[in-house]
């Protein structure tokens, strides 16, 4: 599952990321270091020796296999490639929202566009949204938030040949086994005739259709909302809505609970208490002095339930108490900012919610390699940062806060440029 941003802005971002990744690869490797003609020959051999046997065992015919890869070549512009004879690296030039400035993820244009069109879709597809909520317990506003983020409510142009993308990434990427399994699932989709050949387009990661399902997710969660016997996530808005609802329900969406609430966190509550493994009853967070920014009390049913502190920019941005449903949204796309965006847009669509009360601070903008350096330094001190991947997730954020507190500093729980000298 992947989130590609809504509309034309999302596609421009994808192209920018692909070009940035290509530039990074060129910086990391001399042009002569990769024999592309030899790699193409190895690719064809890999398709025959690795992919075809797996596909055949799943019931894919030889005719489907050959048609799928007719004219397909390696796409050298995709990110995170590991060409034959090379080793993966963390490129300095690669940046993404998770380690850029969080404010950019919530740009005015993106939020207003997703909200405005989302309200139109809420009226146009009210029956399908209501039917999905009855069947799955997932509110329509949440389905709309995902649909808008993933494909601009079906308006985004999905640019890549899916077989080319998944073939390339299965053959030479940092996660070959994962993408090979997705490629085989894509062949199963083609064999089953679920989509017209012209619809076999994907994102740079291989995600399909209006909900941007990875192929294995399509096979598991795509739903027939119209009752015509087909789950068509390419041309049917009703099937798209039903499929998103089924995905979230099967990943544990708790009916009757919200996704989360923006809150004020007093200085007496450490930002190191963030994370899904440090949950407590929302009523207990209240007793610690955490309050909703709206001034309203937490709903009574929520007060009895478990909540988790979320501070995606540490002390430099808005804070939230989120419910287990927030982490179901993260199952759709493993990014705190993504899940927060979806919930926030849904609230704007249905309730007319405004911007977050607290502003996003001017943080981020660090190279991924800079963050990875800090993570490795923290690991040597015994901190669990969740892996030195250059992404400041909640484990990294709270580890930074614990390191700051151990030095007698006020914890901010977010990587900052001045820390680089001390965390080497």
Protein backbone atom coordinates (compact mmCIF):
# COMPACT_ATOMS: atom_id res chain seq x y z
CA UNK A 1 0.00 0.00 0.00
CA UNK A 2 1.25 3.42 -0.83
CA UNK A 3 0.05 7.00 -0.69
CA UNK A 4 0.92 9.02 -3.81
CA UNK A 5 -0.66 12.39 -2.89
CA UNK A 6 -3.77 13.76 -4.47
CA UNK A 7 -4.16 14.96 -8.04
CA UNK A 8 -1.57 16.55 -10.23
CA UNK A 9 0.48 17.77 -7.27
CA UNK A 10 0.97 14.15 -6.18
CA UNK A 11 2.16 13.06 -9.62
CA UNK A 12 4.63 15.95 -9.79
CA UNK A 13 5.99 14.87 -6.41
CA UNK A 14 6.40 11.30 -7.63
CA UNK A 15 8.32 12.42 -10.69
CA UNK A 16 10.50 14.67 -8.54
CA UNK A 17 11.26 11.78 -6.16
CA UNK A 18 12.13 9.49 -9.04
CA UNK A 19 14.46 12.07 -10.56
CA UNK A 20 16.04 12.77 -7.17
CA UNK A 21 16.61 9.06 -6.64
CA UNK A 22 18.19 8.73 -10.08
CA UNK A 23 20.48 11.67 -9.34
CA UNK A 24 21.47 10.05 -6.06
CA UNK A 25 22.23 6.78 -7.80
CA UNK A 26 24.38 8.55 -10.34
CA UNK A 27 26.31 10.25 -7.54
CA UNK A 28 26.81 6.94 -5.75
CA UNK A 29 27.95 4.96 -8.79
CA UNK A 30 30.20 5.79 -11.75
CA UNK A 31 28.29 5.47 -15.02
CA UNK A 32 30.54 2.63 -16.12
CA UNK A 33 29.94 0.67 -12.92
CA UNK A 34 26.66 -0.81 -14.18
CA UNK A 35 26.47 -2.68 -17.48
CA UNK A 36 22.85 -2.03 -18.32
CA UNK A 37 22.77 -4.32 -21.33
CA UNK A 38 24.05 -7.19 -19.17
CA UNK A 39 21.52 -6.30 -16.49
CA UNK A 40 18.70 -6.50 -19.05
CA UNK A 41 19.83 -10.00 -20.03
CA UNK A 42 19.96 -11.03 -16.37
CA UNK A 43 16.49 -9.56 -15.92
CA UNK A 44 15.05 -11.73 -18.69
CA UNK A 45 16.70 -14.77 -17.16
CA UNK A 46 15.32 -13.87 -13.72
CA UNK A 47 11.82 -13.60 -15.14
CA UNK A 48 12.07 -17.07 -16.65
CA UNK A 49 13.87 -18.83 -13.82
CA UNK A 50 12.34 -17.15 -10.76
CA UNK A 51 9.08 -15.41 -11.61
CA UNK A 52 7.56 -17.81 -14.14
CA UNK A 53 7.73 -20.93 -11.89
CA UNK A 54 6.09 -19.02 -9.02
CA UNK A 55 3.41 -17.60 -11.30
CA UNK A 56 2.69 -20.98 -12.87
CA UNK A 57 2.13 -22.48 -9.42
CA UNK A 58 -0.47 -19.76 -8.82
CA UNK A 59 -2.38 -20.68 -11.97
CA UNK A 60 -0.97 -18.05 -14.33
CA UNK A 61 -0.93 -19.19 -17.96
CA UNK A 62 2.08 -18.87 -20.22
CA UNK A 63 0.09 -16.63 -22.55
CA UNK A 64 -0.66 -14.18 -19.72
CA UNK A 65 2.96 -14.22 -18.61
CA UNK A 66 4.33 -13.49 -22.09
CA UNK A 67 1.78 -10.78 -22.79
CA UNK A 68 2.57 -9.08 -19.48
CA UNK A 69 6.28 -8.77 -20.20
CA UNK A 70 6.18 -8.13 -23.93
CA UNK A 71 8.33 -5.05 -24.46
CA UNK A 72 8.98 -4.56 -20.74
CA UNK A 73 12.45 -3.37 -19.82
CA UNK A 74 14.11 -2.30 -16.58
CA UNK A 75 13.12 1.18 -15.42
CA UNK A 76 16.34 2.78 -14.21
CA UNK A 77 14.57 5.93 -13.00
CA UNK A 78 12.83 4.22 -10.07
CA UNK A 79 14.06 4.88 -6.51
CA UNK A 80 15.79 2.42 -4.17
CA UNK A 81 17.38 0.32 -6.90
CA UNK A 82 20.31 -2.01 -6.29
CA UNK A 83 21.73 -2.89 -9.72
CA UNK A 84 23.57 -6.21 -10.12
CA UNK A 85 27.04 -6.05 -8.60
CA UNK A 86 26.31 -3.04 -6.37
CA UNK A 87 25.36 -2.58 -2.72
CA UNK A 88 22.44 -0.57 -1.31
CA UNK A 89 23.27 2.83 0.11
CA UNK A 90 21.45 5.64 1.89
CA UNK A 91 21.70 8.52 -0.61
CA UNK A 92 22.30 11.98 0.86
CA UNK A 93 20.04 13.68 -1.69
CA UNK A 94 16.93 11.63 -0.98
CA UNK A 95 14.30 13.45 1.08
CA UNK A 96 10.71 12.57 1.91
CA UNK A 97 7.97 14.03 4.11
CA UNK A 98 8.88 11.82 7.06
CA UNK A 99 12.23 13.53 7.40
CA UNK A 100 11.48 16.83 5.70
CA UNK A 101 9.45 19.64 7.18
CA UNK A 102 6.13 18.22 8.42
CA UNK A 103 4.37 21.47 7.50
CA UNK A 104 4.92 20.75 3.81
CA UNK A 105 2.88 17.57 4.12
CA UNK A 106 -0.08 19.69 5.24
CA UNK A 107 0.18 22.40 2.61
CA UNK A 108 -2.74 24.76 2.24
CA UNK A 109 -3.43 23.77 -1.36
CA UNK A 110 -3.38 20.05 -0.64
CA UNK A 111 -5.71 20.30 2.36
CA UNK A 112 -8.19 22.64 0.73
CA UNK A 113 -8.27 20.66 -2.50
CA UNK A 114 -8.78 17.33 -0.74
CA UNK A 115 -11.50 18.85 1.45
CA UNK A 116 -13.39 20.65 -1.31
CA UNK A 117 -13.51 17.71 -3.68
CA UNK A 118 -14.11 15.35 -0.77
CA UNK A 119 -17.30 17.19 0.15
CA UNK A 120 -18.50 16.86 -3.43
CA UNK A 121 -17.76 13.15 -3.34
CA UNK A 122 -19.52 12.80 0.02
CA UNK A 123 -22.73 14.02 -1.61
CA UNK A 124 -22.28 12.18 -4.89
CA UNK A 125 -21.50 8.83 -3.26
CA UNK A 126 -23.52 9.15 -0.05
CA UNK A 127 -25.28 5.83 -0.61
CA UNK A 128 -22.07 3.86 -1.21
CA UNK A 129 -20.35 5.51 1.76
CA UNK A 130 -23.28 4.76 4.06
CA UNK A 131 -23.44 1.14 2.88
CA UNK A 132 -19.72 0.70 3.51
CA UNK A 133 -19.99 2.21 6.99
CA UNK A 134 -22.87 -0.15 7.84
CA UNK A 135 -20.93 -3.15 6.56
CA UNK A 136 -17.50 -2.35 8.01
CA UNK A 137 -17.93 0.25 10.74
CA UNK A 138 -15.49 2.58 8.96
CA UNK A 139 -16.85 6.16 8.74
CA UNK A 140 -17.33 7.58 5.28
CA UNK A 141 -15.12 10.57 6.07
CA UNK A 142 -12.18 8.24 6.71
CA UNK A 143 -12.73 6.42 3.42
CA UNK A 144 -12.84 9.79 1.66
CA UNK A 145 -9.63 10.90 3.35
CA UNK A 146 -7.77 7.86 2.03
CA UNK A 147 -9.33 8.00 -1.42
CA UNK A 148 -8.39 11.65 -1.78
CA UNK A 149 -4.84 11.16 -0.58
CA UNK A 150 -4.18 8.11 -2.70
CA UNK A 151 -5.51 9.16 -6.10
CA UNK A 152 -7.24 12.53 -5.84
CA UNK A 153 -10.59 10.69 -5.78
CA UNK A 154 -9.64 8.83 -8.93
CA UNK A 155 -8.55 11.94 -10.80
CA UNK A 156 -4.79 11.43 -10.62
CA UNK A 157 -3.02 10.08 -13.66
CA UNK A 158 -1.23 6.88 -12.63
CA UNK A 159 1.81 6.94 -14.92
CA UNK A 160 3.81 3.70 -14.79
CA UNK A 161 3.56 0.28 -16.41
CA UNK A 162 2.86 -1.93 -13.38
CA UNK A 163 4.74 -4.92 -14.78
CA UNK A 164 7.75 -2.73 -15.51
CA UNK A 165 7.75 -1.23 -12.02
CA UNK A 166 7.29 -4.47 -10.09
CA UNK A 167 9.58 -6.37 -12.44
CA UNK A 168 12.35 -3.81 -11.96
CA UNK A 169 11.94 -3.63 -8.19
CA UNK A 170 11.63 -7.39 -7.83
CA UNK A 171 14.84 -7.88 -9.79
CA UNK A 172 16.94 -5.08 -8.27
CA UNK A 173 15.69 -3.17 -5.26
CA UNK A 174 16.28 -3.03 -1.54
CA UNK A 175 13.28 -5.36 -1.00
CA UNK A 176 13.38 -7.89 -3.86
CA UNK A 177 11.37 -10.65 -2.15
CA UNK A 178 8.53 -8.28 -1.32
CA UNK A 179 8.27 -6.90 -4.84
CA UNK A 180 8.63 -10.32 -6.44
CA UNK A 181 5.61 -11.53 -4.47
CA UNK A 182 3.71 -8.44 -5.59
CA UNK A 183 4.70 -9.11 -9.20
CA UNK A 184 3.34 -12.65 -9.01
CA UNK A 185 0.11 -11.29 -7.50
CA UNK A 186 -0.12 -8.80 -10.37
CA UNK A 187 0.12 -11.68 -12.83
CA UNK A 188 -2.73 -13.40 -10.95
CA UNK A 189 -4.82 -10.24 -11.35
CA UNK A 190 -4.11 -10.25 -15.08
CA UNK A 191 -4.92 -13.94 -15.35
CA UNK A 192 -8.23 -13.39 -13.55
CA UNK A 193 -9.24 -10.64 -15.93
CA UNK A 194 -9.96 -8.23 -13.08
CA UNK A 195 -8.75 -5.19 -14.98
CA UNK A 196 -8.46 -4.18 -18.63
CA UNK A 197 -4.95 -4.20 -19.98
CA UNK A 198 -5.03 -0.41 -20.32
CA UNK A 199 -5.64 -0.14 -16.56
CA UNK A 200 -2.45 -1.96 -15.60
CA UNK A 201 -0.78 1.26 -14.52
CA UNK A 202 0.72 1.87 -11.11
CA UNK A 203 2.59 4.27 -8.87
CA UNK A 204 6.39 4.14 -8.66
CA UNK A 205 5.95 1.46 -5.96
CA UNK A 206 3.50 -0.70 -7.93
CA UNK A 207 0.22 0.38 -6.29
CA UNK A 208 -2.94 0.01 -8.38
CA UNK A 209 -6.19 1.80 -9.06
CA UNK A 210 -8.09 4.48 -7.19
CA UNK A 211 -7.34 3.13 -3.67
CA UNK A 212 -3.71 2.41 -4.66
CA UNK A 213 -3.73 -1.19 -3.52
CA UNK A 214 -0.63 -3.26 -3.89
CA UNK A 215 -1.50 -6.41 -5.89
CA UNK A 216 -1.53 -8.71 -2.85
CA UNK A 217 -3.88 -6.28 -1.12
CA UNK A 218 -6.18 -6.35 -4.13
CA UNK A 219 -6.37 -10.14 -3.94
CA UNK A 220 -7.18 -10.00 -0.22
CA UNK A 221 -9.35 -6.92 0.20
CA UNK A 222 -10.85 -5.69 -3.07
CA UNK A 223 -14.63 -5.68 -2.69
CA UNK A 224 -17.61 -5.72 -5.03
CA UNK A 225 -19.71 -2.80 -3.85
CA UNK A 226 -22.03 -2.72 -6.86
CA UNK A 227 -23.00 -6.41 -6.77
CA UNK A 228 -22.04 -7.03 -10.37
CA UNK A 229 -19.64 -9.84 -9.50
CA UNK A 230 -16.46 -7.81 -10.05
CA UNK A 231 -14.24 -5.79 -7.72
CA UNK A 232 -13.21 -2.97 -10.04
CA UNK A 233 -10.93 -0.51 -8.25
CA UNK A 234 -10.00 1.11 -11.55
CA UNK A 235 -13.34 2.31 -12.93
CA UNK A 236 -15.89 1.90 -10.12
CA UNK A 237 -16.09 4.50 -7.35
CA UNK A 238 -18.50 2.28 -5.43
CA UNK A 239 -16.10 -0.67 -5.50
CA UNK A 240 -13.25 1.64 -4.52
CA UNK A 241 -15.18 2.90 -1.49
CA UNK A 242 -16.15 -0.63 -0.45
CA UNK A 243 -12.60 -1.89 -0.88
CA UNK A 244 -11.07 0.81 1.33
CA UNK A 245 -13.64 0.07 4.01
CA UNK A 246 -12.98 -3.68 3.88
CA UNK A 247 -9.22 -3.11 4.08
CA UNK A 248 -9.49 -1.00 7.23
CA UNK A 249 -12.06 -3.28 8.85
CA UNK A 250 -9.93 -6.36 8.30
CA UNK A 251 -6.96 -4.53 9.78
CA UNK A 252 -8.84 -3.94 13.01
CA UNK A 253 -10.82 -0.70 12.75
CA UNK A 254 -12.78 -0.29 15.98
CA UNK A 255 -16.34 0.75 15.25
CA UNK A 256 -17.54 3.70 17.28
CA UNK A 257 -14.09 5.09 18.07
CA UNK A 258 -12.48 8.14 16.53
CA UNK A 259 -8.94 8.27 15.14
CA UNK A 260 -7.64 10.92 17.55
CA UNK A 261 -7.76 14.45 18.98
CA UNK A 262 -5.41 17.42 18.91
CA UNK A 263 -4.31 18.20 22.47
CA UNK A 264 -2.19 20.45 24.63
CA UNK A 265 0.67 18.69 26.39
CA UNK A 266 1.94 20.53 29.46
CA UNK A 267 5.66 20.78 30.09
CA UNK A 268 5.26 18.36 32.99
CA UNK A 269 4.42 15.57 30.51
CA UNK A 270 7.53 14.35 28.70
CA UNK A 271 7.43 13.92 24.92
CA UNK A 272 9.33 10.67 25.53
CA UNK A 273 5.97 9.09 26.48
CA UNK A 274 5.03 8.97 22.79
CA UNK A 275 4.34 5.71 21.00
CA UNK A 276 1.89 2.85 20.48
CA UNK A 277 3.66 0.79 23.12
CA UNK A 278 3.06 3.38 25.86
CA UNK A 279 -0.71 3.59 25.77
CA UNK A 280 -2.97 4.28 28.72
CA UNK A 281 -6.62 5.14 29.23
CA UNK A 282 -7.46 8.53 27.83
CA UNK A 283 -8.88 9.42 31.25
CA UNK A 284 -5.39 8.84 32.66
CA UNK A 285 -3.85 11.19 30.09
CA UNK A 286 -6.43 13.73 31.26
CA UNK A 287 -5.31 13.30 34.87
CA UNK A 288 -1.75 14.14 33.74
CA UNK A 289 -3.00 17.50 32.48
CA UNK A 290 -3.48 16.76 28.77
CA UNK A 291 -6.54 18.56 27.36
CA UNK A 292 -8.18 18.94 23.96
CA UNK A 293 -7.31 22.17 22.15
CA UNK A 294 -11.03 22.69 21.46
CA UNK A 295 -11.70 23.04 25.17
CA UNK A 296 -14.30 20.28 24.96
CA UNK A 297 -13.92 17.16 27.10
CA UNK A 298 -13.00 13.87 25.53
CA UNK A 299 -16.12 11.85 24.64
CA UNK A 300 -17.11 9.54 27.48
CA UNK A 301 -16.68 6.36 25.45
CA UNK A 302 -13.20 7.51 24.43
CA UNK A 303 -12.18 8.30 28.01
CA UNK A 304 -12.60 4.62 28.87
CA UNK A 305 -10.55 3.50 25.87
CA UNK A 306 -6.84 3.35 25.31
CA UNK A 307 -5.06 6.35 23.85
CA UNK A 308 -1.51 7.07 22.72
CA UNK A 309 0.55 10.24 22.68
CA UNK A 310 1.58 11.34 19.18
CA UNK A 311 3.99 14.23 18.64
CA UNK A 312 5.12 13.94 14.99
CA UNK A 313 7.34 17.04 15.24
CA UNK A 314 8.20 16.61 18.88
CA UNK A 315 7.77 19.85 20.81
CA UNK A 316 7.94 21.77 17.51
CA UNK A 317 4.41 21.10 16.35
CA UNK A 318 0.88 19.97 17.21
CA UNK A 319 0.34 17.06 19.58
CA UNK A 320 -2.38 14.43 19.62
CA UNK A 321 -3.94 11.67 21.64
CA UNK A 322 -4.73 8.99 19.09
CA UNK A 323 -6.73 5.80 19.34
CA UNK A 324 -5.94 2.30 18.02
CA UNK A 325 -7.72 3.34 14.81
CA UNK A 326 -4.85 5.71 14.05
CA UNK A 327 -2.55 2.71 13.79
CA UNK A 328 -5.04 0.97 11.50
CA UNK A 329 -4.62 3.96 9.18
CA UNK A 330 -0.88 3.41 9.40
CA UNK A 331 -1.43 -0.13 8.14
CA UNK A 332 -2.56 1.52 4.91
CA UNK A 333 0.64 3.56 4.68
CA UNK A 334 3.33 3.33 7.36
CA UNK A 335 3.71 7.04 8.02
CA UNK A 336 2.53 9.05 11.01
CA UNK A 337 1.99 12.05 8.77
CA UNK A 338 -0.06 10.03 6.29
CA UNK A 339 -2.42 8.70 8.95
CA UNK A 340 -2.69 12.15 10.51
CA UNK A 341 -3.46 13.71 7.12
CA UNK A 342 -6.22 11.19 6.38
CA UNK A 343 -7.91 11.70 9.75
CA UNK A 344 -7.59 15.46 9.54
CA UNK A 345 -9.00 15.70 6.01
CA UNK A 346 -11.88 13.46 7.02
CA UNK A 347 -12.68 15.81 9.91
CA UNK A 348 -12.53 18.80 7.60
CA UNK A 349 -14.90 17.13 5.15
CA UNK A 350 -17.54 16.10 7.67
CA UNK A 351 -17.21 18.54 10.56
CA UNK A 352 -15.74 21.60 8.90
CA UNK A 353 -12.64 21.34 11.10
CA UNK A 354 -10.05 24.04 10.64
CA UNK A 355 -6.27 23.96 10.77
CA UNK A 356 -4.44 22.44 13.69
CA UNK A 357 -4.25 24.81 16.64
CA UNK A 358 -0.49 24.53 17.09
CA UNK A 359 1.73 25.52 14.16
CA UNK A 360 4.37 23.25 12.66
CA UNK A 361 7.79 24.54 13.62
CA UNK A 362 10.56 25.16 11.13
CA UNK A 363 12.14 21.76 11.63
CA UNK A 364 13.23 19.00 9.31
CA UNK A 365 15.07 19.49 6.05
CA UNK A 366 17.91 17.25 7.22
CA UNK A 367 19.51 14.78 4.87
CA UNK A 368 18.39 11.25 5.50
CA UNK A 369 22.00 10.30 6.08
CA UNK A 370 22.25 12.94 8.83
CA UNK A 371 19.32 11.40 10.68
CA UNK A 372 20.78 7.91 10.20
CA UNK A 373 24.05 9.12 11.73
CA UNK A 374 22.19 10.34 14.81
CA UNK A 375 20.31 7.04 15.03
CA UNK A 376 23.50 5.00 14.94
CA UNK A 377 24.99 7.17 17.70
CA UNK A 378 21.87 6.66 19.83
CA UNK A 379 22.00 2.91 19.20
CA UNK A 380 25.57 2.80 20.49
CA UNK A 381 24.25 4.39 23.68
CA UNK A 382 21.67 1.64 24.04
CA UNK A 383 18.61 3.41 22.64
CA UNK A 384 16.05 1.58 20.49
CA UNK A 385 15.52 3.91 17.52
CA UNK A 386 13.72 1.35 15.38
CA UNK A 387 16.64 0.97 12.98
CA UNK A 388 19.08 3.46 11.48
CA UNK A 389 17.00 4.17 8.39
CA UNK A 390 17.14 7.96 8.41
CA UNK A 391 13.44 8.24 9.23
CA UNK A 392 12.56 10.03 12.50
CA UNK A 393 9.73 7.77 13.62
CA UNK A 394 8.37 7.69 17.13
CA UNK A 395 11.19 5.47 18.47
CA UNK A 396 13.79 7.87 17.15
CA UNK A 397 11.91 10.92 18.38
CA UNK A 398 11.56 9.68 21.93
CA UNK A 399 15.14 8.35 21.97
CA UNK A 400 16.33 11.85 21.14
CA UNK A 401 14.17 13.15 23.98
CA UNK A 402 15.62 10.62 26.43
CA UNK A 403 19.14 11.53 25.32
CA UNK A 404 18.34 15.21 25.84
CA UNK A 405 16.92 14.57 29.30
CA UNK A 406 20.00 12.51 30.24
CA UNK A 407 22.11 15.58 29.48
CA UNK A 408 19.92 17.85 31.58
CA UNK A 409 18.33 19.45 28.53
CA UNK A 410 14.66 20.11 27.89
CA UNK A 411 13.40 17.31 25.66
CA UNK A 412 12.20 18.37 22.20
CA UNK A 413 12.03 14.86 20.69
CA UNK A 414 12.96 15.70 17.11
CA UNK A 415 16.25 15.62 15.18
CA UNK A 416 17.74 19.07 14.73
CA UNK A 417 20.85 20.21 12.88
CA UNK A 418 22.77 21.35 16.00
CA UNK A 419 22.59 17.78 17.34
CA UNK A 420 24.79 16.43 14.57
CA UNK A 421 28.00 17.44 16.32
CA UNK A 422 27.06 15.55 19.50
CA UNK A 423 25.38 12.53 17.90
CA UNK A 424 28.14 11.20 15.63
